[in-house]
């Protein structure tokens, strides 16, 4: 890439940032909220992970990845 290409890319990203900040200021001013967007422009979704321990039954007969089966030893 040339210096001109790099500068053009930086200018586009700066304009994107300015647009995003203006949109955020409008939403904050009106009290609207929206989920944050990812780099691809999609809304990020949050996944709730419970604090309770996992059911041990889910792991019955499961090999430990990279360690082999629980009842066998490595050669």
C-alpha atoms as a PDB file:
ATOM      1  CA  UNK A   1       0.000   0.000   0.000  1.00  0.00           C
ATOM      2  CA  UNK A   2       1.159   3.485  -0.701  1.00  0.00           C
ATOM      3  CA  UNK A   3       1.125   6.364   1.721  1.00  0.00           C
ATOM      4  CA  UNK A   4      -1.842   7.869  -0.139  1.00  0.00           C
ATOM      5  CA  UNK A   5      -3.806   4.623   0.262  1.00  0.00           C
ATOM      6  CA  UNK A   6      -2.991   4.527   3.962  1.00  0.00           C
ATOM      7  CA  UNK A   7      -4.088   8.146   4.419  1.00  0.00           C
ATOM      8  CA  UNK A   8      -7.331   7.504   2.528  1.00  0.00           C
ATOM      9  CA  UNK A   9      -8.038   4.476   4.740  1.00  0.00           C
ATOM     10  CA  UNK A  10      -7.372   6.505   7.891  1.00  0.00           C
ATOM     11  CA  UNK A  11      -9.638   9.298   6.637  1.00  0.00           C
ATOM     12  CA  UNK A  12     -12.489   6.810   5.982  1.00  0.00           C
ATOM     13  CA  UNK A  13     -12.109   5.288   9.431  1.00  0.00           C
ATOM     14  CA  UNK A  14     -12.047   8.711  11.050  1.00  0.00           C
ATOM     15  CA  UNK A  15     -15.267   9.632   9.225  1.00  0.00           C
ATOM     16  CA  UNK A  16     -16.825   6.347  10.395  1.00  0.00           C
ATOM     17  CA  UNK A  17     -15.793   7.174  13.953  1.00  0.00           C
ATOM     18  CA  UNK A  18     -17.243  10.677  13.717  1.00  0.00           C
ATOM     19  CA  UNK A  19     -20.516   9.258  12.376  1.00  0.00           C
ATOM     20  CA  UNK A  20     -20.657   6.711  15.197  1.00  0.00           C
ATOM     21  CA  UNK A  21     -20.007   9.372  17.847  1.00  0.00           C
ATOM     22  CA  UNK A  22     -22.707  11.623  16.373  1.00  0.00           C
ATOM     23  CA  UNK A  23     -25.177   8.717  16.396  1.00  0.00           C
ATOM     24  CA  UNK A  24     -24.265   7.925  19.997  1.00  0.00           C
ATOM     25  CA  UNK A  25     -24.727  11.559  21.009  1.00  0.00           C
ATOM     26  CA  UNK A  26     -28.180  11.591  19.367  1.00  0.00           C
ATOM     27  CA  UNK A  27     -29.203   8.398  21.158  1.00  0.00           C
ATOM     28  CA  UNK A  28     -27.943   9.590  24.523  1.00  0.00           C
ATOM     29  CA  UNK A  29     -29.699  12.919  24.027  1.00  0.00           C
ATOM     30  CA  UNK A  30     -33.019  11.205  23.243  1.00  0.00           C
ATOM     31  CA  UNK A  31     -32.623   8.449  25.838  1.00  0.00           C
ATOM     32  CA  UNK A  32     -32.608   5.681  23.224  1.00  0.00           C
ATOM     33  CA  UNK A  33     -30.268   2.779  23.704  1.00  0.00           C
ATOM     34  CA  UNK A  34     -29.222   0.083  21.315  1.00  0.00           C
ATOM     35  CA  UNK A  35     -26.889  -2.876  21.604  1.00  0.00           C
ATOM     36  CA  UNK A  36     -23.328  -2.022  20.605  1.00  0.00           C
ATOM     37  CA  UNK A  37     -22.324  -2.918  17.063  1.00  0.00           C
ATOM     38  CA  UNK A  38     -19.394  -5.143  16.244  1.00  0.00           C
ATOM     39  CA  UNK A  39     -16.748  -4.306  13.658  1.00  0.00           C
ATOM     40  CA  UNK A  40     -18.924  -5.975  11.017  1.00  0.00           C
ATOM     41  CA  UNK A  41     -21.806  -3.628  11.879  1.00  0.00           C
ATOM     42  CA  UNK A  42     -23.953  -6.335  13.466  1.00  0.00           C
ATOM     43  CA  UNK A  43     -25.452  -5.804  16.877  1.00  0.00           C
ATOM     44  CA  UNK A  44     -23.499  -7.710  19.501  1.00  0.00           C
ATOM     45  CA  UNK A  45     -25.563 -10.138  21.536  1.00  0.00           C
ATOM     46  CA  UNK A  46     -24.795 -10.954  25.130  1.00  0.00           C
ATOM     47  CA  UNK A  47     -24.880 -14.489  26.451  1.00  0.00           C
ATOM     48  CA  UNK A  48     -25.579 -14.957  30.144  1.00  0.00           C
ATOM     49  CA  UNK A  49     -23.481 -17.658  31.768  1.00  0.00           C
ATOM     50  CA  UNK A  50     -24.953 -18.956  35.005  1.00  0.00           C
ATOM     51  CA  UNK A  51     -22.869 -19.029  38.190  1.00  0.00           C
ATOM     52  CA  UNK A  52     -24.226 -22.467  39.138  1.00  0.00           C
ATOM     53  CA  UNK A  53     -21.910 -25.417  38.488  1.00  0.00           C
ATOM     54  CA  UNK A  54     -22.526 -27.432  35.336  1.00  0.00           C
ATOM     55  CA  UNK A  55     -24.356 -30.729  35.551  1.00  0.00           C
ATOM     56  CA  UNK A  56     -21.639 -33.409  35.838  1.00  0.00           C
ATOM     57  CA  UNK A  57     -23.828 -35.728  33.755  1.00  0.00           C
ATOM     58  CA  UNK A  58     -23.003 -33.652  30.679  1.00  0.00           C
ATOM     59  CA  UNK A  59     -19.398 -34.765  30.895  1.00  0.00           C
ATOM     60  CA  UNK A  60     -19.960 -38.518  31.285  1.00  0.00           C
ATOM     61  CA  UNK A  61     -17.865 -40.562  28.826  1.00  0.00           C
ATOM     62  CA  UNK A  62     -16.098 -37.471  27.488  1.00  0.00           C
ATOM     63  CA  UNK A  63     -12.409 -37.523  26.628  1.00  0.00           C
ATOM     64  CA  UNK A  64     -10.219 -34.689  27.834  1.00  0.00           C
ATOM     65  CA  UNK A  65      -9.096 -33.000  24.651  1.00  0.00           C
ATOM     66  CA  UNK A  66      -5.429 -33.660  24.053  1.00  0.00           C
ATOM     67  CA  UNK A  67      -5.150 -35.921  27.104  1.00  0.00           C
ATOM     68  CA  UNK A  68      -6.975 -39.005  25.823  1.00  0.00           C
ATOM     69  CA  UNK A  69      -9.532 -41.131  27.601  1.00  0.00           C
ATOM     70  CA  UNK A  70      -9.758 -40.941  31.384  1.00  0.00           C
ATOM     71  CA  UNK A  71      -9.260 -44.687  31.925  1.00  0.00           C
ATOM     72  CA  UNK A  72      -6.136 -44.977  29.717  1.00  0.00           C
ATOM     73  CA  UNK A  73      -2.611 -43.688  30.117  1.00  0.00           C
ATOM     74  CA  UNK A  74      -0.485 -41.958  27.536  1.00  0.00           C
ATOM     75  CA  UNK A  75       2.106 -44.230  25.862  1.00  0.00           C
END
